[in-house]
């Protein structure tokens, strides 16, 4: 199984952010994602994936705009949205999948 496959197969919700270092909206999401990770503790994970370094994966998942956020649990995508999101919304979504 690929590293990505192993990552998304966890039984806890995994929030993925597809971003680039040069995108301002992606940069604005950094403190939001830190807050989400802190709130979730060991009940969820937050993973940032740089599309410049992981172009094949971004293409396979049809990431067209930045940031693109996805929540996976047990190998299944449960939620996907592009654009800036607030911490409370993301925490609420993650808690739905615990």
PDB file of N, CA and C in Angstrom:
ATOM      1  N   UNK A   1       0.852  -1.182   0.000  1.00  0.00           N
ATOM      2  CA  UNK A   1       0.000   0.000   0.000  1.00  0.00           C
ATOM      3  C   UNK A   1       0.898   1.246   0.000  1.00  0.00           C
ATOM      4  N   UNK A   2       0.459   2.256  -0.683  1.00  0.00           N
ATOM      5  CA  UNK A   2       1.246   3.488  -0.740  1.00  0.00           C
ATOM      6  C   UNK A   2       1.223   4.191   0.613  1.00  0.00           C
ATOM      7  N   UNK A   3       2.164   5.093   0.789  1.00  0.00           N
ATOM      8  CA  UNK A   3       2.212   5.870   2.023  1.00  0.00           C
ATOM      9  C   UNK A   3       0.911   6.662   2.195  1.00  0.00           C
ATOM     10  N   UNK A   4       0.410   7.253   1.104  1.00  0.00           N
ATOM     11  CA  UNK A   4      -0.849   7.993   1.162  1.00  0.00           C
ATOM     12  C   UNK A   4      -1.989   7.059   1.555  1.00  0.00           C
ATOM     13  N   UNK A   5      -2.015   5.879   0.969  1.00  0.00           N
ATOM     14  CA  UNK A   5      -3.062   4.900   1.295  1.00  0.00           C
ATOM     15  C   UNK A   5      -3.039   4.511   2.757  1.00  0.00           C
ATOM     16  N   UNK A   6      -1.854   4.335   3.311  1.00  0.00           N
ATOM     17  CA  UNK A   6      -1.732   4.008   4.727  1.00  0.00           C
ATOM     18  C   UNK A   6      -2.220   5.175   5.589  1.00  0.00           C
ATOM     19  N   UNK A   7      -1.894   6.375   5.189  1.00  0.00           N
ATOM     20  CA  UNK A   7      -2.273   7.572   5.934  1.00  0.00           C
ATOM     21  C   UNK A   7      -3.786   7.718   6.016  1.00  0.00           C
ATOM     22  N   UNK A   8      -4.465   7.618   4.885  1.00  0.00           N
ATOM     23  CA  UNK A   8      -5.909   7.848   4.878  1.00  0.00           C
ATOM     24  C   UNK A   8      -6.698   6.657   5.400  1.00  0.00           C
ATOM     25  N   UNK A   9      -6.039   5.525   5.622  1.00  0.00           N
ATOM     26  CA  UNK A   9      -6.720   4.330   6.102  1.00  0.00           C
ATOM     27  C   UNK A   9      -6.876   4.313   7.621  1.00  0.00           C
ATOM     28  N   UNK A  10      -6.367   5.317   8.306  1.00  0.00           N
ATOM     29  CA  UNK A  10      -6.477   5.365   9.762  1.00  0.00           C
ATOM     30  C   UNK A  10      -7.935   5.450  10.181  1.00  0.00           C
ATOM     31  N   UNK A  11      -8.226   4.977  11.380  1.00  0.00           N
ATOM     32  CA  UNK A  11      -9.604   4.955  11.885  1.00  0.00           C
ATOM     33  C   UNK A  11      -9.993   6.250  12.597  1.00  0.00           C
ATOM     34  N   UNK A  12      -9.140   7.248  12.498  1.00  0.00           N
ATOM     35  CA  UNK A  12      -9.462   8.576  13.022  1.00  0.00           C
ATOM     36  C   UNK A  12      -9.584   9.521  11.823  1.00  0.00           C
ATOM     37  N   UNK A  13     -10.312  10.622  11.971  1.00  0.00           N
ATOM     38  CA  UNK A  13     -10.422  11.552  10.837  1.00  0.00           C
ATOM     39  C   UNK A  13      -9.081  12.229  10.541  1.00  0.00           C
ATOM     40  N   UNK A  14      -8.756  12.298   9.269  1.00  0.00           N
ATOM     41  CA  UNK A  14      -7.527  12.917   8.784  1.00  0.00           C
ATOM     42  C   UNK A  14      -7.921  14.112   7.935  1.00  0.00           C
ATOM     43  N   UNK A  15      -7.508  15.312   8.342  1.00  0.00           N
ATOM     44  CA  UNK A  15      -7.755  16.517   7.559  1.00  0.00           C
ATOM     45  C   UNK A  15      -6.515  16.793   6.728  1.00  0.00           C
ATOM     46  N   UNK A  16      -6.677  16.775   5.421  1.00  0.00           N
ATOM     47  CA  UNK A  16      -5.586  17.066   4.499  1.00  0.00           C
ATOM     48  C   UNK A  16      -5.771  18.466   3.941  1.00  0.00           C
ATOM     49  N   UNK A  17      -4.677  19.208   3.899  1.00  0.00           N
ATOM     50  CA  UNK A  17      -4.701  20.501   3.216  1.00  0.00           C
ATOM     51  C   UNK A  17      -3.691  20.434   2.079  1.00  0.00           C
ATOM     52  N   UNK A  18      -4.163  20.606   0.862  1.00  0.00           N
ATOM     53  CA  UNK A  18      -3.290  20.711  -0.302  1.00  0.00           C
ATOM     54  C   UNK A  18      -2.995  22.190  -0.486  1.00  0.00           C
ATOM     55  N   UNK A  19      -1.707  22.545  -0.494  1.00  0.00           N
ATOM     56  CA  UNK A  19      -1.296  23.945  -0.477  1.00  0.00           C
ATOM     57  C   UNK A  19      -0.012  24.125  -1.285  1.00  0.00           C
ATOM     58  N   UNK A  20       0.385  25.394  -1.444  1.00  0.00           N
ATOM     59  CA  UNK A  20       1.721  25.727  -1.935  1.00  0.00           C
ATOM     60  C   UNK A  20       2.280  26.815  -1.027  1.00  0.00           C
ATOM     61  N   UNK A  21       3.594  26.956  -1.051  1.00  0.00           N
ATOM     62  CA  UNK A  21       4.242  27.984  -0.236  1.00  0.00           C
ATOM     63  C   UNK A  21       3.949  29.391  -0.764  1.00  0.00           C
ATOM     64  N   UNK A  22       3.635  29.515  -2.045  1.00  0.00           N
ATOM     65  CA  UNK A  22       3.452  30.830  -2.647  1.00  0.00           C
ATOM     66  C   UNK A  22       2.000  31.316  -2.647  1.00  0.00           C
ATOM     67  N   UNK A  23       1.045  30.499  -2.209  1.00  0.00           N
ATOM     68  CA  UNK A  23      -0.368  30.869  -2.226  1.00  0.00           C
ATOM     69  C   UNK A  23      -0.750  31.558  -0.914  1.00  0.00           C
ATOM     70  N   UNK A  24      -1.252  32.787  -0.997  1.00  0.00           N
ATOM     71  CA  UNK A  24      -1.586  33.572   0.199  1.00  0.00           C
ATOM     72  C   UNK A  24      -2.707  32.948   1.026  1.00  0.00           C
ATOM     73  N   UNK A  25      -3.717  32.391   0.378  1.00  0.00           N
ATOM     74  CA  UNK A  25      -4.813  31.767   1.117  1.00  0.00           C
ATOM     75  C   UNK A  25      -4.319  30.541   1.867  1.00  0.00           C
ATOM     76  N   UNK A  26      -3.432  29.770   1.239  1.00  0.00           N
ATOM     77  CA  UNK A  26      -2.833  28.624   1.922  1.00  0.00           C
ATOM     78  C   UNK A  26      -2.075  29.086   3.159  1.00  0.00           C
ATOM     79  N   UNK A  27      -1.330  30.170   3.024  1.00  0.00           N
ATOM     80  CA  UNK A  27      -0.567  30.706   4.159  1.00  0.00           C
ATOM     81  C   UNK A  27      -1.505  31.144   5.288  1.00  0.00           C
ATOM     82  N   UNK A  28      -2.637  31.721   4.923  1.00  0.00           N
ATOM     83  CA  UNK A  28      -3.604  32.165   5.925  1.00  0.00           C
ATOM     84  C   UNK A  28      -4.219  30.990   6.685  1.00  0.00           C
ATOM     85  N   UNK A  29      -4.213  29.817   6.081  1.00  0.00           N
ATOM     86  CA  UNK A  29      -4.783  28.632   6.718  1.00  0.00           C
ATOM     87  C   UNK A  29      -3.848  28.022   7.765  1.00  0.00           C
ATOM     88  N   UNK A  30      -2.567  28.370   7.745  1.00  0.00           N
ATOM     89  CA  UNK A  30      -1.603  27.747   8.652  1.00  0.00           C
ATOM     90  C   UNK A  30      -2.013  27.858  10.125  1.00  0.00           C
ATOM     91  N   UNK A  31      -2.316  29.062  10.645  1.00  0.00           N
ATOM     92  CA  UNK A  31      -2.720  29.137  12.054  1.00  0.00           C
ATOM     93  C   UNK A  31      -4.061  28.444  12.329  1.00  0.00           C
ATOM     94  N   UNK A  32      -4.948  28.439  11.358  1.00  0.00           N
ATOM     95  CA  UNK A  32      -6.234  27.752  11.500  1.00  0.00           C
ATOM     96  C   UNK A  32      -6.000  26.264  11.693  1.00  0.00           C
ATOM     97  N   UNK A  33      -5.127  25.688  10.863  1.00  0.00           N
ATOM     98  CA  UNK A  33      -4.851  24.261  10.954  1.00  0.00           C
ATOM     99  C   UNK A  33      -4.138  23.902  12.249  1.00  0.00           C
ATOM    100  N   UNK A  34      -3.291  24.802  12.747  1.00  0.00           N
ATOM    101  CA  UNK A  34      -2.657  24.570  14.057  1.00  0.00           C
ATOM    102  C   UNK A  34      -3.725  24.495  15.146  1.00  0.00           C
ATOM    103  N   UNK A  35      -4.711  25.382  15.084  1.00  0.00           N
ATOM    104  CA  UNK A  35      -5.805  25.375  16.059  1.00  0.00           C
ATOM    105  C   UNK A  35      -6.619  24.083  15.972  1.00  0.00           C
ATOM    106  N   UNK A  36      -6.879  23.638  14.753  1.00  0.00           N
ATOM    107  CA  UNK A  36      -7.640  22.396  14.561  1.00  0.00           C
ATOM    108  C   UNK A  36      -6.857  21.219  15.142  1.00  0.00           C
ATOM    109  N   UNK A  37      -5.569  21.142  14.837  1.00  0.00           N
ATOM    110  CA  UNK A  37      -4.735  20.046  15.343  1.00  0.00           C
ATOM    111  C   UNK A  37      -4.715  20.052  16.870  1.00  0.00           C
ATOM    112  N   UNK A  38      -4.592  21.232  17.468  1.00  0.00           N
ATOM    113  CA  UNK A  38      -4.563  21.333  18.929  1.00  0.00           C
ATOM    114  C   UNK A  38      -5.899  20.896  19.530  1.00  0.00           C
ATOM    115  N   UNK A  39      -6.992  21.290  18.913  1.00  0.00           N
ATOM    116  CA  UNK A  39      -8.320  20.945  19.422  1.00  0.00           C
ATOM    117  C   UNK A  39      -8.605  19.453  19.298  1.00  0.00           C
ATOM    118  N   UNK A  40      -8.113  18.835  18.241  1.00  0.00           N
ATOM    119  CA  UNK A  40      -8.388  17.416  18.006  1.00  0.00           C
ATOM    120  C   UNK A  40      -7.499  16.503  18.842  1.00  0.00           C
ATOM    121  N   UNK A  41      -6.301  16.953  19.169  1.00  0.00           N
ATOM    122  CA  UNK A  41      -5.392  16.103  19.934  1.00  0.00           C
ATOM    123  C   UNK A  41      -5.150  14.787  19.205  1.00  0.00           C
ATOM    124  N   UNK A  42      -5.281  13.672  19.924  1.00  0.00           N
ATOM    125  CA  UNK A  42      -5.030  12.369  19.299  1.00  0.00           C
ATOM    126  C   UNK A  42      -6.286  11.765  18.672  1.00  0.00           C
ATOM    127  N   UNK A  43      -7.371  12.536  18.604  1.00  0.00           N
ATOM    128  CA  UNK A  43      -8.617  12.046  18.001  1.00  0.00           C
ATOM    129  C   UNK A  43      -8.702  12.345  16.514  1.00  0.00           C
ATOM    130  N   UNK A  44      -7.694  13.020  15.974  1.00  0.00           N
ATOM    131  CA  UNK A  44      -7.655  13.345  14.558  1.00  0.00           C
ATOM    132  C   UNK A  44      -6.281  13.836  14.180  1.00  0.00           C
ATOM    133  N   UNK A  45      -6.008  13.872  12.878  1.00  0.00           N
ATOM    134  CA  UNK A  45      -4.717  14.356  12.385  1.00  0.00           C
ATOM    135  C   UNK A  45      -4.948  15.442  11.357  1.00  0.00           C
ATOM    136  N   UNK A  46      -3.989  16.365  11.292  1.00  0.00           N
ATOM    137  CA  UNK A  46      -3.992  17.403  10.265  1.00  0.00           C
ATOM    138  C   UNK A  46      -2.681  17.249   9.500  1.00  0.00           C
ATOM    139  N   UNK A  47      -2.789  17.079   8.197  1.00  0.00           N
ATOM    140  CA  UNK A  47      -1.628  16.860   7.342  1.00  0.00           C
ATOM    141  C   UNK A  47      -1.642  17.893   6.221  1.00  0.00           C
ATOM    142  N   UNK A  48      -0.515  18.578   6.038  1.00  0.00           N
ATOM    143  CA  UNK A  48      -0.370  19.539   4.945  1.00  0.00           C
ATOM    144  C   UNK A  48       0.408  18.858   3.812  1.00  0.00           C
ATOM    145  N   UNK A  49      -0.103  18.973   2.592  1.00  0.00           N
ATOM    146  CA  UNK A  49       0.531  18.355   1.429  1.00  0.00           C
ATOM    147  C   UNK A  49       0.828  19.441   0.403  1.00  0.00           C
ATOM    148  N   UNK A  50       2.107  19.666   0.161  1.00  0.00           N
ATOM    149  CA  UNK A  50       2.557  20.674  -0.792  1.00  0.00           C
ATOM    150  C   UNK A  50       2.368  20.128  -2.208  1.00  0.00           C
ATOM    151  N   UNK A  51       1.517  20.782  -3.002  1.00  0.00           N
ATOM    152  CA  UNK A  51       1.231  20.283  -4.345  1.00  0.00           C
ATOM    153  C   UNK A  51       2.431  20.413  -5.278  1.00  0.00           C
ATOM    154  N   UNK A  52       3.338  21.360  -4.995  1.00  0.00           N
ATOM    155  CA  UNK A  52       4.539  21.474  -5.824  1.00  0.00           C
ATOM    156  C   UNK A  52       5.449  20.262  -5.649  1.00  0.00           C
ATOM    157  N   UNK A  53       5.413  19.653  -4.478  1.00  0.00           N
ATOM    158  CA  UNK A  53       6.254  18.485  -4.197  1.00  0.00           C
ATOM    159  C   UNK A  53       5.510  17.167  -4.380  1.00  0.00           C
ATOM    160  N   UNK A  54       4.192  17.238  -4.507  1.00  0.00           N
ATOM    161  CA  UNK A  54       3.347  16.041  -4.642  1.00  0.00           C
ATOM    162  C   UNK A  54       2.360  16.219  -5.788  1.00  0.00           C
ATOM    163  N   UNK A  55       2.881  16.625  -6.939  1.00  0.00           N
ATOM    164  CA  UNK A  55       2.035  16.946  -8.088  1.00  0.00           C
ATOM    165  C   UNK A  55       1.216  15.747  -8.563  1.00  0.00           C
ATOM    166  N   UNK A  56       1.806  14.554  -8.540  1.00  0.00           N
ATOM    167  CA  UNK A  56       1.093  13.357  -8.993  1.00  0.00           C
ATOM    168  C   UNK A  56      -0.136  13.086  -8.131  1.00  0.00           C
ATOM    169  N   UNK A  57       0.040  13.182  -6.826  1.00  0.00           N
ATOM    170  CA  UNK A  57      -1.073  12.957  -5.906  1.00  0.00           C
ATOM    171  C   UNK A  57      -2.143  14.025  -6.097  1.00  0.00           C
ATOM    172  N   UNK A  58      -1.735  15.280  -6.192  1.00  0.00           N
ATOM    173  CA  UNK A  58      -2.689  16.371  -6.393  1.00  0.00           C
ATOM    174  C   UNK A  58      -3.475  16.167  -7.689  1.00  0.00           C
ATOM    175  N   UNK A  59      -2.789  15.732  -8.725  1.00  0.00           N
ATOM    176  CA  UNK A  59      -3.473  15.478 -10.000  1.00  0.00           C
ATOM    177  C   UNK A  59      -4.441  14.304  -9.872  1.00  0.00           C
ATOM    178  N   UNK A  60      -4.015  13.243  -9.216  1.00  0.00           N
ATOM    179  CA  UNK A  60      -4.871  12.063  -9.052  1.00  0.00           C
ATOM    180  C   UNK A  60      -6.143  12.404  -8.276  1.00  0.00           C
ATOM    181  N   UNK A  61      -6.034  13.338  -7.329  1.00  0.00           N
ATOM    182  CA  UNK A  61      -7.187  13.737  -6.524  1.00  0.00           C
ATOM    183  C   UNK A  61      -7.900  14.956  -7.105  1.00  0.00           C
ATOM    184  N   UNK A  62      -7.469  15.374  -8.284  1.00  0.00           N
ATOM    185  CA  UNK A  62      -8.086  16.486  -9.019  1.00  0.00           C
ATOM    186  C   UNK A  62      -8.122  17.785  -8.210  1.00  0.00           C
ATOM    187  N   UNK A  63      -6.997  18.088  -7.573  1.00  0.00           N
ATOM    188  CA  UNK A  63      -6.875  19.344  -6.843  1.00  0.00           C
ATOM    189  C   UNK A  63      -6.628  20.440  -7.865  1.00  0.00           C
ATOM    190  N   UNK A  64      -7.588  21.363  -7.986  1.00  0.00           N
ATOM    191  CA  UNK A  64      -7.507  22.424  -8.992  1.00  0.00           C
ATOM    192  C   UNK A  64      -7.315  23.802  -8.379  1.00  0.00           C
ATOM    193  N   UNK A  65      -7.738  23.991  -7.132  1.00  0.00           N
ATOM    194  CA  UNK A  65      -7.589  25.298  -6.487  1.00  0.00           C
ATOM    195  C   UNK A  65      -6.993  25.111  -5.097  1.00  0.00           C
ATOM    196  N   UNK A  66      -6.424  26.193  -4.586  1.00  0.00           N
ATOM    197  CA  UNK A  66      -5.721  26.131  -3.308  1.00  0.00           C
ATOM    198  C   UNK A  66      -6.314  27.123  -2.324  1.00  0.00           C
ATOM    199  N   UNK A  67      -6.329  26.767  -1.080  1.00  0.00           N
ATOM    200  CA  UNK A  67      -6.089  25.416  -0.593  1.00  0.00           C
ATOM    201  C   UNK A  67      -7.295  24.525  -0.876  1.00  0.00           C
ATOM    202  N   UNK A  68      -7.051  23.233  -0.987  1.00  0.00           N
ATOM    203  CA  UNK A  68      -8.127  22.250  -1.046  1.00  0.00           C
ATOM    204  C   UNK A  68      -8.011  21.410   0.215  1.00  0.00           C
ATOM    205  N   UNK A  69      -9.117  21.297   0.916  1.00  0.00           N
ATOM    206  CA  UNK A  69      -9.166  20.548   2.172  1.00  0.00           C
ATOM    207  C   UNK A  69     -10.010  19.301   1.982  1.00  0.00           C
ATOM    208  N   UNK A  70      -9.567  18.195   2.578  1.00  0.00           N
ATOM    209  CA  UNK A  70     -10.301  16.931   2.508  1.00  0.00           C
ATOM    210  C   UNK A  70     -10.247  16.269   3.869  1.00  0.00           C
ATOM    211  N   UNK A  71     -11.311  15.583   4.210  1.00  0.00           N
ATOM    212  CA  UNK A  71     -11.310  14.747   5.409  1.00  0.00           C
ATOM    213  C   UNK A  71     -11.511  13.308   4.966  1.00  0.00           C
ATOM    214  N   UNK A  72     -10.578  12.456   5.397  1.00  0.00           N
ATOM    215  CA  UNK A  72     -10.656  11.019   5.154  1.00  0.00           C
ATOM    216  C   UNK A  72     -10.805  10.306   6.490  1.00  0.00           C
ATOM    217  N   UNK A  73     -11.458   9.164   6.446  1.00  0.00           N
ATOM    218  CA  UNK A  73     -11.490   8.259   7.595  1.00  0.00           C
ATOM    219  C   UNK A  73     -11.638   6.846   7.056  1.00  0.00           C
ATOM    220  N   UNK A  74     -10.815   5.949   7.564  1.00  0.00           N
ATOM    221  CA  UNK A  74     -10.849   4.542   7.154  1.00  0.00           C
ATOM    222  C   UNK A  74     -10.772   4.395   5.642  1.00  0.00           C
ATOM    223  N   UNK A  75      -9.928   5.220   4.996  1.00  0.00           N
ATOM    224  CA  UNK A  75      -9.685   5.117   3.569  1.00  0.00           C
ATOM    225  C   UNK A  75     -10.728   5.760   2.680  1.00  0.00           C
ATOM    226  N   UNK A  76     -11.740   6.372   3.261  1.00  0.00           N
ATOM    227  CA  UNK A  76     -12.833   6.951   2.483  1.00  0.00           C
ATOM    228  C   UNK A  76     -12.880   8.472   2.663  1.00  0.00           C
ATOM    229  N   UNK A  77     -12.993   9.191   1.539  1.00  0.00           N
ATOM    230  CA  UNK A  77     -13.147  10.638   1.627  1.00  0.00           C
ATOM    231  C   UNK A  77     -14.547  10.936   2.151  1.00  0.00           C
ATOM    232  N   UNK A  78     -14.616  11.719   3.226  1.00  0.00           N
ATOM    233  CA  UNK A  78     -15.894  12.045   3.833  1.00  0.00           C
ATOM    234  C   UNK A  78     -16.335  13.475   3.539  1.00  0.00           C
ATOM    235  N   UNK A  79     -15.367  14.360   3.223  1.00  0.00           N
ATOM    236  CA  UNK A  79     -15.678  15.773   2.996  1.00  0.00           C
ATOM    237  C   UNK A  79     -14.566  16.388   2.164  1.00  0.00           C
ATOM    238  N   UNK A  80     -14.934  17.355   1.324  1.00  0.00           N
ATOM    239  CA  UNK A  80     -13.947  18.072   0.501  1.00  0.00           C
ATOM    240  C   UNK A  80     -14.454  19.476   0.236  1.00  0.00           C
ATOM    241  N   UNK A  81     -13.539  20.451   0.317  1.00  0.00           N
ATOM    242  CA  UNK A  81     -13.899  21.846   0.053  1.00  0.00           C
ATOM    243  C   UNK A  81     -12.640  22.600  -0.345  1.00  0.00           C
ATOM    244  N   UNK A  82     -12.768  23.511  -1.269  1.00  0.00           N
ATOM    245  CA  UNK A  82     -11.650  24.382  -1.638  1.00  0.00           C
ATOM    246  C   UNK A  82     -11.876  25.748  -1.022  1.00  0.00           C
ATOM    247  N   UNK A  83     -10.777  26.430  -0.731  1.00  0.00           N
ATOM    248  CA  UNK A  83     -10.853  27.775  -0.185  1.00  0.00           C
ATOM    249  C   UNK A  83     -10.666  27.804   1.318  1.00  0.00           C
ATOM    250  N   UNK A  84     -10.611  29.014   1.822  1.00  0.00           N
ATOM    251  CA  UNK A  84     -10.357  29.240   3.243  1.00  0.00           C
ATOM    252  C   UNK A  84     -11.547  28.781   4.090  1.00  0.00           C
ATOM    253  N   UNK A  85     -11.245  28.158   5.211  1.00  0.00           N
ATOM    254  CA  UNK A  85     -12.254  27.702   6.167  1.00  0.00           C
ATOM    255  C   UNK A  85     -11.842  28.170   7.556  1.00  0.00           C
ATOM    256  N   UNK A  86     -12.800  28.308   8.459  1.00  0.00           N
ATOM    257  CA  UNK A  86     -12.442  28.710   9.814  1.00  0.00           C
ATOM    258  C   UNK A  86     -12.250  27.475  10.704  1.00  0.00           C
ATOM    259  N   UNK A  87     -11.535  27.662  11.803  1.00  0.00           N
ATOM    260  CA  UNK A  87     -11.183  26.551  12.685  1.00  0.00           C
ATOM    261  C   UNK A  87     -12.422  25.865  13.259  1.00  0.00           C
ATOM    262  N   UNK A  88     -13.410  26.634  13.697  1.00  0.00           N
ATOM    263  CA  UNK A  88     -14.596  26.027  14.309  1.00  0.00           C
ATOM    264  C   UNK A  88     -15.333  25.114  13.336  1.00  0.00           C
ATOM    265  N   UNK A  89     -15.437  25.530  12.086  1.00  0.00           N
ATOM    266  CA  UNK A  89     -16.090  24.694  11.068  1.00  0.00           C
ATOM    267  C   UNK A  89     -15.324  23.391  10.893  1.00  0.00           C
ATOM    268  N   UNK A  90     -14.004  23.492  10.751  1.00  0.00           N
ATOM    269  CA  UNK A  90     -13.187  22.298  10.534  1.00  0.00           C
ATOM    270  C   UNK A  90     -13.196  21.373  11.748  1.00  0.00           C
ATOM    271  N   UNK A  91     -13.150  21.938  12.936  1.00  0.00           N
ATOM    272  CA  UNK A  91     -13.207  21.122  14.156  1.00  0.00           C
ATOM    273  C   UNK A  91     -14.543  20.394  14.228  1.00  0.00           C
ATOM    274  N   UNK A  92     -15.615  21.099  13.936  1.00  0.00           N
ATOM    275  CA  UNK A  92     -16.944  20.483  13.934  1.00  0.00           C
ATOM    276  C   UNK A  92     -17.040  19.340  12.939  1.00  0.00           C
ATOM    277  N   UNK A  93     -16.516  19.546  11.749  1.00  0.00           N
ATOM    278  CA  UNK A  93     -16.529  18.494  10.737  1.00  0.00           C
ATOM    279  C   UNK A  93     -15.708  17.298  11.180  1.00  0.00           C
ATOM    280  N   UNK A  94     -14.529  17.550  11.732  1.00  0.00           N
ATOM    281  CA  UNK A  94     -13.679  16.445  12.199  1.00  0.00           C
ATOM    282  C   UNK A  94     -14.385  15.653  13.306  1.00  0.00           C
ATOM    283  N   UNK A  95     -15.044  16.353  14.231  1.00  0.00           N
ATOM    284  CA  UNK A  95     -15.705  15.689  15.348  1.00  0.00           C
ATOM    285  C   UNK A  95     -16.862  14.805  14.886  1.00  0.00           C
ATOM    286  N   UNK A  96     -17.467  15.149  13.742  1.00  0.00           N
ATOM    287  CA  UNK A  96     -18.542  14.309  13.192  1.00  0.00           C
ATOM    288  C   UNK A  96     -18.044  12.912  12.843  1.00  0.00           C
ATOM    289  N   UNK A  97     -16.753  12.782  12.554  1.00  0.00           N
ATOM    290  CA  UNK A  97     -16.215  11.515  12.064  1.00  0.00           C
ATOM    291  C   UNK A  97     -15.395  10.761  13.106  1.00  0.00           C
ATOM    292  N   UNK A  98     -15.442  11.198  14.363  1.00  0.00           N
ATOM    293  CA  UNK A  98     -14.712  10.480  15.414  1.00  0.00           C
ATOM    294  C   UNK A  98     -15.419   9.175  15.700  1.00  0.00           C
TER     295      UNK A  98
END
